């Protein structure tokens, strides 16, 4: 898998002992009407739709590019017009259509979250779900950086809360899940596969991951079995 990191067996033990405490942290970030981008307005106006930020890239001139997947029953052209007129949006176009799922590409002004994560040298995990004006931001970082991020975000989003924190080793050899399983797990969690009611189906996940429905189903079953038997998820506040 591209980007996989392998550990050298004769050097890892010393590094592991001095490695910082790594957290996988899910932050629930409520956005308000004065938030300078479209995310709050469009997700509160359409509570019955699923919004998933697939990727984000920084551009020159303080702008960013986002690919956003919208799932549900809606008028694609009307949604495109709504996005084009959204706060901070300069360009919007339809990139892909598959049934009730459409991917839009937007060019917009950089968001406060983008600026803060860049300053702290943090890389949010994608896809990132946002619905009802709430962004579900997942980051993997040291405990110290997670604390700094939390405090910085509270300045413009006082109602921020922590959905979950899991202690983890990003490249540790004793990781519970394989790299492939981690990717599928993150996509399923952020897409709302385990939400009640469920916001994403196996078909949705298969489309996002470009995998067959049977492969996704078998992998999720394996993940669930491992998590039930061994995973320890901690719900705490910093």
C-alpha atoms as a PDB file:
ATOM      1  CA  UNK A   1       0.000   0.000   0.000  1.00  0.00           C
ATOM      2  CA  UNK A   2       1.329   3.409  -0.939  1.00  0.00           C
ATOM      3  CA  UNK A   3       2.571   5.358   2.047  1.00  0.00           C
ATOM      4  CA  UNK A   4       3.027   2.284   4.255  1.00  0.00           C
ATOM      5  CA  UNK A   5       5.802   2.701   6.831  1.00  0.00           C
ATOM      6  CA  UNK A   6       7.886  -0.307   7.808  1.00  0.00           C
ATOM      7  CA  UNK A   7       9.818  -0.513  11.073  1.00  0.00           C
ATOM      8  CA  UNK A   8      13.335  -1.764  11.449  1.00  0.00           C
ATOM      9  CA  UNK A   9      13.328  -4.493  14.088  1.00  0.00           C
ATOM     10  CA  UNK A  10      16.743  -3.607  15.500  1.00  0.00           C
ATOM     11  CA  UNK A  11      15.948   0.079  16.004  1.00  0.00           C
ATOM     12  CA  UNK A  12      12.296   0.160  16.970  1.00  0.00           C
ATOM     13  CA  UNK A  13      12.529  -0.802  20.638  1.00  0.00           C
ATOM     14  CA  UNK A  14      14.527   2.239  21.728  1.00  0.00           C
ATOM     15  CA  UNK A  15      12.320   4.602  19.743  1.00  0.00           C
ATOM     16  CA  UNK A  16       9.119   3.013  21.067  1.00  0.00           C
ATOM     17  CA  UNK A  17      10.174   3.658  24.661  1.00  0.00           C
ATOM     18  CA  UNK A  18      10.649   7.381  23.986  1.00  0.00           C
ATOM     19  CA  UNK A  19       7.728   7.841  21.578  1.00  0.00           C
ATOM     20  CA  UNK A  20       5.111  10.468  22.554  1.00  0.00           C
ATOM     21  CA  UNK A  21       1.610   9.440  23.566  1.00  0.00           C
ATOM     22  CA  UNK A  22      -0.410   9.352  20.348  1.00  0.00           C
ATOM     23  CA  UNK A  23      -4.149  10.007  20.317  1.00  0.00           C
ATOM     24  CA  UNK A  24      -6.770   9.434  17.657  1.00  0.00           C
ATOM     25  CA  UNK A  25      -9.185  12.226  18.551  1.00  0.00           C
ATOM     26  CA  UNK A  26     -12.648  12.927  17.152  1.00  0.00           C
ATOM     27  CA  UNK A  27     -13.740  16.529  17.752  1.00  0.00           C
ATOM     28  CA  UNK A  28     -17.350  17.645  17.309  1.00  0.00           C
ATOM     29  CA  UNK A  29     -17.119  21.216  16.059  1.00  0.00           C
ATOM     30  CA  UNK A  30     -20.430  23.148  15.951  1.00  0.00           C
ATOM     31  CA  UNK A  31     -20.347  25.911  13.370  1.00  0.00           C
ATOM     32  CA  UNK A  32     -22.396  29.065  13.761  1.00  0.00           C
ATOM     33  CA  UNK A  33     -24.164  31.281  11.240  1.00  0.00           C
ATOM     34  CA  UNK A  34     -21.215  33.674  11.160  1.00  0.00           C
ATOM     35  CA  UNK A  35     -18.772  30.931  10.176  1.00  0.00           C
ATOM     36  CA  UNK A  36     -17.040  32.312   7.052  1.00  0.00           C
ATOM     37  CA  UNK A  37     -17.717  29.330   4.759  1.00  0.00           C
ATOM     38  CA  UNK A  38     -20.684  27.401   3.355  1.00  0.00           C
ATOM     39  CA  UNK A  39     -20.503  24.350   5.666  1.00  0.00           C
ATOM     40  CA  UNK A  40     -22.934  25.577   8.339  1.00  0.00           C
ATOM     41  CA  UNK A  41     -25.603  26.962   6.019  1.00  0.00           C
ATOM     42  CA  UNK A  42     -25.831  24.026   3.616  1.00  0.00           C
ATOM     43  CA  UNK A  43     -25.750  21.283   6.258  1.00  0.00           C
ATOM     44  CA  UNK A  44     -28.391  22.944   8.458  1.00  0.00           C
ATOM     45  CA  UNK A  45     -30.616  23.710   5.471  1.00  0.00           C
ATOM     46  CA  UNK A  46     -30.574  20.025   4.445  1.00  0.00           C
ATOM     47  CA  UNK A  47     -30.606  17.886   7.615  1.00  0.00           C
ATOM     48  CA  UNK A  48     -31.833  14.880   5.642  1.00  0.00           C
ATOM     49  CA  UNK A  49     -28.730  14.793   3.419  1.00  0.00           C
ATOM     50  CA  UNK A  50     -25.297  13.369   4.144  1.00  0.00           C
ATOM     51  CA  UNK A  51     -22.269  15.638   3.615  1.00  0.00           C
ATOM     52  CA  UNK A  52     -18.785  14.144   3.486  1.00  0.00           C
ATOM     53  CA  UNK A  53     -15.617  16.162   2.880  1.00  0.00           C
ATOM     54  CA  UNK A  54     -13.510  13.711   0.868  1.00  0.00           C
ATOM     55  CA  UNK A  55     -10.346  15.777   0.452  1.00  0.00           C
ATOM     56  CA  UNK A  56      -8.948  19.277   0.849  1.00  0.00           C
ATOM     57  CA  UNK A  57      -5.968  20.987  -0.765  1.00  0.00           C
ATOM     58  CA  UNK A  58      -4.473  24.396  -0.066  1.00  0.00           C
ATOM     59  CA  UNK A  59      -4.124  26.747  -3.028  1.00  0.00           C
ATOM     60  CA  UNK A  60      -2.318  30.045  -3.487  1.00  0.00           C
ATOM     61  CA  UNK A  61      -3.819  33.295  -2.303  1.00  0.00           C
ATOM     62  CA  UNK A  62      -5.381  31.961   0.892  1.00  0.00           C
ATOM     63  CA  UNK A  63      -7.798  29.642  -0.900  1.00  0.00           C
ATOM     64  CA  UNK A  64      -8.480  25.919  -0.650  1.00  0.00           C
ATOM     65  CA  UNK A  65     -10.066  23.266  -2.875  1.00  0.00           C
ATOM     66  CA  UNK A  66     -12.526  20.733  -1.464  1.00  0.00           C
ATOM     67  CA  UNK A  67     -14.233  17.645  -2.861  1.00  0.00           C
ATOM     68  CA  UNK A  68     -17.572  17.176  -1.083  1.00  0.00           C
ATOM     69  CA  UNK A  69     -19.830  14.157  -1.461  1.00  0.00           C
ATOM     70  CA  UNK A  70     -23.554  14.737  -0.938  1.00  0.00           C
ATOM     71  CA  UNK A  71     -25.828  11.721  -0.492  1.00  0.00           C
ATOM     72  CA  UNK A  72     -29.630  11.670  -0.511  1.00  0.00           C
ATOM     73  CA  UNK A  73     -32.575  12.861  -2.572  1.00  0.00           C
ATOM     74  CA  UNK A  74     -32.066  16.375  -3.938  1.00  0.00           C
ATOM     75  CA  UNK A  75     -31.891  18.441  -7.120  1.00  0.00           C
ATOM     76  CA  UNK A  76     -28.221  18.423  -8.239  1.00  0.00           C
ATOM     77  CA  UNK A  77     -28.430  21.706 -10.142  1.00  0.00           C
ATOM     78  CA  UNK A  78     -30.185  23.443  -7.251  1.00  0.00           C
ATOM     79  CA  UNK A  79     -27.529  22.156  -4.834  1.00  0.00           C
ATOM     80  CA  UNK A  80     -24.790  23.345  -7.190  1.00  0.00           C
ATOM     81  CA  UNK A  81     -26.327  26.825  -7.280  1.00  0.00           C
ATOM     82  CA  UNK A  82     -26.643  26.833  -3.499  1.00  0.00           C
ATOM     83  CA  UNK A  83     -22.996  25.874  -3.068  1.00  0.00           C
ATOM     84  CA  UNK A  84     -21.868  28.464  -5.614  1.00  0.00           C
ATOM     85  CA  UNK A  85     -23.600  31.195  -3.614  1.00  0.00           C
ATOM     86  CA  UNK A  86     -22.286  29.942  -0.273  1.00  0.00           C
ATOM     87  CA  UNK A  87     -20.097  32.013   2.056  1.00  0.00           C
ATOM     88  CA  UNK A  88     -16.509  32.115   0.872  1.00  0.00           C
ATOM     89  CA  UNK A  89     -17.117  29.999  -2.252  1.00  0.00           C
ATOM     90  CA  UNK A  90     -15.517  31.203  -5.501  1.00  0.00           C
ATOM     91  CA  UNK A  91     -16.126  28.201  -7.783  1.00  0.00           C
ATOM     92  CA  UNK A  92     -18.235  25.029  -7.692  1.00  0.00           C
ATOM     93  CA  UNK A  93     -18.734  22.212 -10.180  1.00  0.00           C
ATOM     94  CA  UNK A  94     -20.117  18.674 -10.309  1.00  0.00           C
ATOM     95  CA  UNK A  95     -17.339  16.079 -10.541  1.00  0.00           C
ATOM     96  CA  UNK A  96     -19.225  12.777 -10.378  1.00  0.00           C
ATOM     97  CA  UNK A  97     -22.773  11.394 -10.239  1.00  0.00           C
ATOM     98  CA  UNK A  98     -23.755   7.906  -9.125  1.00  0.00           C
ATOM     99  CA  UNK A  99     -27.400   7.458  -8.254  1.00  0.00           C
ATOM    100  CA  UNK A 100     -28.259   9.606  -5.237  1.00  0.00           C
ATOM    101  CA  UNK A 101     -24.588  10.385  -4.570  1.00  0.00           C
ATOM    102  CA  UNK A 102     -22.921  13.409  -6.164  1.00  0.00           C
ATOM    103  CA  UNK A 103     -19.399  14.770  -5.663  1.00  0.00           C
ATOM    104  CA  UNK A 104     -18.917  18.538  -5.917  1.00  0.00           C
ATOM    105  CA  UNK A 105     -15.566  20.336  -6.205  1.00  0.00           C
ATOM    106  CA  UNK A 106     -15.339  23.783  -4.632  1.00  0.00           C
ATOM    107  CA  UNK A 107     -12.742  26.536  -4.485  1.00  0.00           C
ATOM    108  CA  UNK A 108     -13.217  28.710  -1.419  1.00  0.00           C
ATOM    109  CA  UNK A 109     -11.461  30.902   1.118  1.00  0.00           C
ATOM    110  CA  UNK A 110      -9.379  29.050   3.680  1.00  0.00           C
ATOM    111  CA  UNK A 111     -11.339  28.181   6.816  1.00  0.00           C
ATOM    112  CA  UNK A 112     -10.282  28.886  10.431  1.00  0.00           C
ATOM    113  CA  UNK A 113      -9.852  25.136  10.916  1.00  0.00           C
ATOM    114  CA  UNK A 114      -7.484  24.959   7.948  1.00  0.00           C
ATOM    115  CA  UNK A 115      -5.371  27.823   9.289  1.00  0.00           C
ATOM    116  CA  UNK A 116      -5.166  26.365  12.803  1.00  0.00           C
ATOM    117  CA  UNK A 117      -4.267  22.832  11.710  1.00  0.00           C
ATOM    118  CA  UNK A 118      -1.599  24.242   9.385  1.00  0.00           C
ATOM    119  CA  UNK A 119      -0.051  26.334  12.163  1.00  0.00           C
ATOM    120  CA  UNK A 120       0.006  23.314  14.489  1.00  0.00           C
ATOM    121  CA  UNK A 121       1.341  21.029  11.724  1.00  0.00           C
ATOM    122  CA  UNK A 122      -1.667  18.724  12.045  1.00  0.00           C
ATOM    123  CA  UNK A 123      -3.141  16.644   9.234  1.00  0.00           C
ATOM    124  CA  UNK A 124      -6.885  15.975   9.648  1.00  0.00           C
ATOM    125  CA  UNK A 125      -8.108  12.595   8.529  1.00  0.00           C
ATOM    126  CA  UNK A 126     -10.424  12.441   5.549  1.00  0.00           C
ATOM    127  CA  UNK A 127     -13.196  11.848   4.765  1.00  0.00           C
ATOM    128  CA  UNK A 128     -14.707  14.268   7.303  1.00  0.00           C
ATOM    129  CA  UNK A 129     -18.449  14.303   7.914  1.00  0.00           C
ATOM    130  CA  UNK A 130     -20.426  17.480   8.585  1.00  0.00           C
ATOM    131  CA  UNK A 131     -24.159  17.633   9.194  1.00  0.00           C
ATOM    132  CA  UNK A 132     -26.539  19.852  11.095  1.00  0.00           C
ATOM    133  CA  UNK A 133     -23.849  22.514  11.308  1.00  0.00           C
ATOM    134  CA  UNK A 134     -21.427  20.184  13.113  1.00  0.00           C
ATOM    135  CA  UNK A 135     -18.063  19.111  11.669  1.00  0.00           C
ATOM    136  CA  UNK A 136     -16.708  15.757  12.882  1.00  0.00           C
ATOM    137  CA  UNK A 137     -12.982  16.404  12.759  1.00  0.00           C
ATOM    138  CA  UNK A 138     -10.603  13.470  13.309  1.00  0.00           C
ATOM    139  CA  UNK A 139      -6.890  14.059  13.956  1.00  0.00           C
ATOM    140  CA  UNK A 140      -3.991  11.815  14.939  1.00  0.00           C
ATOM    141  CA  UNK A 141      -1.389  13.636  17.011  1.00  0.00           C
ATOM    142  CA  UNK A 142       0.455  13.772  20.289  1.00  0.00           C
ATOM    143  CA  UNK A 143      -1.587  14.538  23.389  1.00  0.00           C
ATOM    144  CA  UNK A 144       0.072  17.954  23.623  1.00  0.00           C
ATOM    145  CA  UNK A 145      -0.913  18.919  20.070  1.00  0.00           C
ATOM    146  CA  UNK A 146      -4.473  17.681  20.576  1.00  0.00           C
ATOM    147  CA  UNK A 147      -4.748  19.893  23.662  1.00  0.00           C
ATOM    148  CA  UNK A 148      -3.420  22.918  21.723  1.00  0.00           C
ATOM    149  CA  UNK A 149      -5.877  22.244  18.888  1.00  0.00           C
ATOM    150  CA  UNK A 150      -8.794  21.954  21.304  1.00  0.00           C
ATOM    151  CA  UNK A 151      -7.956  25.251  23.000  1.00  0.00           C
ATOM    152  CA  UNK A 152      -7.455  27.094  19.702  1.00  0.00           C
ATOM    153  CA  UNK A 153     -10.745  25.839  18.250  1.00  0.00           C
ATOM    154  CA  UNK A 154     -12.647  26.828  21.402  1.00  0.00           C
ATOM    155  CA  UNK A 155     -11.890  30.492  20.682  1.00  0.00           C
ATOM    156  CA  UNK A 156     -14.292  30.568  17.724  1.00  0.00           C
ATOM    157  CA  UNK A 157     -16.380  27.492  18.596  1.00  0.00           C
ATOM    158  CA  UNK A 158     -16.976  27.554  22.388  1.00  0.00           C
ATOM    159  CA  UNK A 159     -19.386  24.603  22.157  1.00  0.00           C
ATOM    160  CA  UNK A 160     -16.750  22.240  20.780  1.00  0.00           C
ATOM    161  CA  UNK A 161     -16.768  18.793  22.376  1.00  0.00           C
ATOM    162  CA  UNK A 162     -14.770  15.585  22.163  1.00  0.00           C
ATOM    163  CA  UNK A 163     -16.618  12.664  20.636  1.00  0.00           C
ATOM    164  CA  UNK A 164     -13.962  10.054  21.380  1.00  0.00           C
ATOM    165  CA  UNK A 165     -10.294   9.629  22.107  1.00  0.00           C
ATOM    166  CA  UNK A 166      -8.369   6.451  21.470  1.00  0.00           C
ATOM    167  CA  UNK A 167      -4.774   5.844  22.476  1.00  0.00           C
ATOM    168  CA  UNK A 168      -2.868   4.441  19.542  1.00  0.00           C
ATOM    169  CA  UNK A 169       0.461   3.930  17.855  1.00  0.00           C
ATOM    170  CA  UNK A 170       0.379   5.199  14.293  1.00  0.00           C
ATOM    171  CA  UNK A 171       3.037   2.777  13.021  1.00  0.00           C
ATOM    172  CA  UNK A 172       3.367   0.414  15.958  1.00  0.00           C
ATOM    173  CA  UNK A 173       3.844  -3.300  15.106  1.00  0.00           C
ATOM    174  CA  UNK A 174       1.155  -4.293  17.651  1.00  0.00           C
ATOM    175  CA  UNK A 175      -1.594  -2.294  15.983  1.00  0.00           C
ATOM    176  CA  UNK A 176      -5.021  -3.901  16.254  1.00  0.00           C
ATOM    177  CA  UNK A 177      -5.957  -3.318  12.609  1.00  0.00           C
ATOM    178  CA  UNK A 178      -4.019  -3.607   9.369  1.00  0.00           C
ATOM    179  CA  UNK A 179      -3.431  -0.492   7.249  1.00  0.00           C
ATOM    180  CA  UNK A 180      -6.227  -1.558   4.876  1.00  0.00           C
ATOM    181  CA  UNK A 181      -8.628  -2.209   7.757  1.00  0.00           C
ATOM    182  CA  UNK A 182      -7.787   1.165   9.334  1.00  0.00           C
ATOM    183  CA  UNK A 183      -8.620   2.980   6.107  1.00  0.00           C
ATOM    184  CA  UNK A 184     -11.948   1.211   5.727  1.00  0.00           C
ATOM    185  CA  UNK A 185     -12.741   1.698   9.422  1.00  0.00           C
ATOM    186  CA  UNK A 186     -12.089   5.462   9.223  1.00  0.00           C
ATOM    187  CA  UNK A 187     -14.236   5.829   6.099  1.00  0.00           C
ATOM    188  CA  UNK A 188     -17.085   3.823   7.634  1.00  0.00           C
ATOM    189  CA  UNK A 189     -16.965   5.742  10.918  1.00  0.00           C
ATOM    190  CA  UNK A 190     -16.863   9.187   9.313  1.00  0.00           C
ATOM    191  CA  UNK A 191     -19.546   8.303   6.753  1.00  0.00           C
ATOM    192  CA  UNK A 192     -21.916   7.268   9.536  1.00  0.00           C
ATOM    193  CA  UNK A 193     -22.053   3.528   8.861  1.00  0.00           C
ATOM    194  CA  UNK A 194     -22.365   2.805  12.587  1.00  0.00           C
ATOM    195  CA  UNK A 195     -24.619   5.771  13.374  1.00  0.00           C
ATOM    196  CA  UNK A 196     -28.186   5.176  14.566  1.00  0.00           C
ATOM    197  CA  UNK A 197     -29.994   5.525  12.248  1.00  0.00           C
ATOM    198  CA  UNK A 198     -27.328   4.417   9.758  1.00  0.00           C
ATOM    199  CA  UNK A 199     -26.308   7.249   7.394  1.00  0.00           C
ATOM    200  CA  UNK A 200     -24.199   5.210   4.967  1.00  0.00           C
ATOM    201  CA  UNK A 201     -24.784   1.800   3.425  1.00  0.00           C
ATOM    202  CA  UNK A 202     -22.339  -0.852   2.226  1.00  0.00           C
ATOM    203  CA  UNK A 203     -22.999   0.406  -1.300  1.00  0.00           C
ATOM    204  CA  UNK A 204     -22.026   3.954  -0.264  1.00  0.00           C
ATOM    205  CA  UNK A 205     -18.787   2.742   1.351  1.00  0.00           C
ATOM    206  CA  UNK A 206     -17.948   0.585  -1.661  1.00  0.00           C
ATOM    207  CA  UNK A 207     -18.299   3.647  -3.928  1.00  0.00           C
ATOM    208  CA  UNK A 208     -16.116   5.823  -1.675  1.00  0.00           C
ATOM    209  CA  UNK A 209     -13.402   3.153  -1.398  1.00  0.00           C
ATOM    210  CA  UNK A 210     -13.631   1.913  -5.016  1.00  0.00           C
ATOM    211  CA  UNK A 211     -14.009  -1.645  -3.721  1.00  0.00           C
ATOM    212  CA  UNK A 212     -16.617  -4.346  -4.240  1.00  0.00           C
ATOM    213  CA  UNK A 213     -19.541  -4.474  -1.836  1.00  0.00           C
ATOM    214  CA  UNK A 214     -18.569  -8.017  -0.758  1.00  0.00           C
ATOM    215  CA  UNK A 215     -14.991  -6.949   0.035  1.00  0.00           C
ATOM    216  CA  UNK A 216     -16.201  -4.058   2.185  1.00  0.00           C
ATOM    217  CA  UNK A 217     -18.698  -6.310   3.960  1.00  0.00           C
ATOM    218  CA  UNK A 218     -16.083  -8.981   4.762  1.00  0.00           C
ATOM    219  CA  UNK A 219     -13.557  -6.384   5.941  1.00  0.00           C
ATOM    220  CA  UNK A 220     -16.085  -4.647   8.202  1.00  0.00           C
ATOM    221  CA  UNK A 221     -17.038  -8.006   9.721  1.00  0.00           C
ATOM    222  CA  UNK A 222     -13.374  -8.680  10.492  1.00  0.00           C
ATOM    223  CA  UNK A 223     -12.916  -5.202  11.963  1.00  0.00           C
ATOM    224  CA  UNK A 224     -15.990  -5.521  14.159  1.00  0.00           C
ATOM    225  CA  UNK A 225     -14.808  -8.901  15.442  1.00  0.00           C
ATOM    226  CA  UNK A 226     -11.398  -7.481  16.400  1.00  0.00           C
ATOM    227  CA  UNK A 227     -12.865  -4.380  18.027  1.00  0.00           C
ATOM    228  CA  UNK A 228     -15.346  -6.372  20.098  1.00  0.00           C
ATOM    229  CA  UNK A 229     -12.646  -8.716  21.334  1.00  0.00           C
ATOM    230  CA  UNK A 230      -9.668  -6.446  21.888  1.00  0.00           C
ATOM    231  CA  UNK A 231     -10.154  -2.723  21.269  1.00  0.00           C
ATOM    232  CA  UNK A 232     -10.378  -0.353  24.217  1.00  0.00           C
ATOM    233  CA  UNK A 233     -12.001   2.932  23.247  1.00  0.00           C
ATOM    234  CA  UNK A 234     -11.897   5.680  25.869  1.00  0.00           C
ATOM    235  CA  UNK A 235     -14.452   8.524  25.953  1.00  0.00           C
ATOM    236  CA  UNK A 236     -12.779  11.283  27.959  1.00  0.00           C
ATOM    237  CA  UNK A 237     -12.481  15.052  28.055  1.00  0.00           C
ATOM    238  CA  UNK A 238      -9.138  16.822  27.947  1.00  0.00           C
END
